[in-house]
């Protein structure tokens, strides 16, 4: 159970970071 929660949290964080980096890079250019 805890492993699934950890994986889910990691995916969510990765998604947020990817979106944030993409938006910053897009506007920066």
N, C-alpha and C. Protein backbone atom coordinates (compact mmCIF):
# COMPACT_ATOMS: atom_id res chain seq x y z
N UNK A 1 0.85 -1.20 0.00
CA UNK A 1 0.00 0.00 0.00
C UNK A 1 0.89 1.25 0.00
N UNK A 2 1.85 1.30 0.91
CA UNK A 2 2.72 2.48 1.00
C UNK A 2 3.54 2.66 -0.28
N UNK A 3 3.90 1.53 -0.89
CA UNK A 3 4.70 1.61 -2.12
C UNK A 3 3.90 2.27 -3.22
N UNK A 4 2.62 1.92 -3.33
CA UNK A 4 1.75 2.51 -4.35
C UNK A 4 1.63 4.02 -4.11
N UNK A 5 1.47 4.39 -2.84
CA UNK A 5 1.34 5.81 -2.50
C UNK A 5 2.61 6.57 -2.86
N UNK A 6 3.76 5.95 -2.60
CA UNK A 6 5.03 6.59 -2.92
C UNK A 6 5.18 6.78 -4.42
N UNK A 7 4.83 5.76 -5.19
CA UNK A 7 4.92 5.84 -6.65
C UNK A 7 3.98 6.92 -7.17
N UNK A 8 2.76 6.94 -6.66
CA UNK A 8 1.77 7.93 -7.10
C UNK A 8 2.27 9.34 -6.80
N UNK A 9 2.80 9.55 -5.60
CA UNK A 9 3.32 10.87 -5.22
C UNK A 9 4.48 11.26 -6.13
N UNK A 10 5.36 10.32 -6.42
CA UNK A 10 6.51 10.61 -7.27
C UNK A 10 6.05 11.01 -8.68
N UNK A 11 5.06 10.31 -9.21
CA UNK A 11 4.55 10.62 -10.55
C UNK A 11 3.91 12.01 -10.57
N UNK A 12 3.15 12.33 -9.53
CA UNK A 12 2.50 13.65 -9.46
C UNK A 12 3.54 14.76 -9.39
N UNK A 13 4.56 14.56 -8.55
CA UNK A 13 5.62 15.57 -8.42
C UNK A 13 6.35 15.72 -9.75
N UNK A 14 6.67 14.61 -10.39
CA UNK A 14 7.38 14.65 -11.66
C UNK A 14 6.55 15.39 -12.70
N UNK A 15 5.24 15.13 -12.72
CA UNK A 15 4.35 15.79 -13.67
C UNK A 15 4.32 17.30 -13.43
N UNK A 16 4.20 17.70 -12.18
CA UNK A 16 4.16 19.13 -11.84
C UNK A 16 5.46 19.81 -12.23
N UNK A 17 6.59 19.16 -11.91
CA UNK A 17 7.89 19.74 -12.24
C UNK A 17 8.06 19.85 -13.75
N UNK A 18 7.65 18.83 -14.48
CA UNK A 18 7.76 18.84 -15.94
C UNK A 18 6.93 19.96 -16.54
N UNK A 19 5.69 20.11 -16.05
CA UNK A 19 4.82 21.17 -16.56
C UNK A 19 5.39 22.54 -16.23
N UNK A 20 5.86 22.70 -15.00
CA UNK A 20 6.42 23.99 -14.58
C UNK A 20 7.65 24.34 -15.42
N UNK A 21 8.53 23.36 -15.63
CA UNK A 21 9.74 23.61 -16.41
C UNK A 21 9.37 23.94 -17.85
N UNK A 22 8.39 23.22 -18.39
CA UNK A 22 7.97 23.46 -19.77
C UNK A 22 7.39 24.86 -19.94
N UNK A 23 6.55 25.28 -19.00
CA UNK A 23 5.94 26.61 -19.07
C UNK A 23 7.01 27.69 -18.95
N UNK A 24 7.93 27.52 -18.02
CA UNK A 24 8.99 28.51 -17.82
C UNK A 24 9.88 28.59 -19.06
N UNK A 25 10.20 27.47 -19.65
CA UNK A 25 11.06 27.44 -20.82
C UNK A 25 10.33 28.07 -22.01
N UNK A 26 9.03 27.80 -22.12
CA UNK A 26 8.24 28.34 -23.23
C UNK A 26 8.17 29.87 -23.14
N UNK A 27 7.85 30.38 -21.95
CA UNK A 27 7.74 31.83 -21.78
C UNK A 27 9.12 32.49 -21.82
N UNK A 28 10.13 31.76 -21.36
CA UNK A 28 11.49 32.31 -21.35
C UNK A 28 11.97 32.54 -22.78
N UNK A 29 11.55 31.67 -23.69
CA UNK A 29 11.96 31.79 -25.08
C UNK A 29 11.11 32.82 -25.78
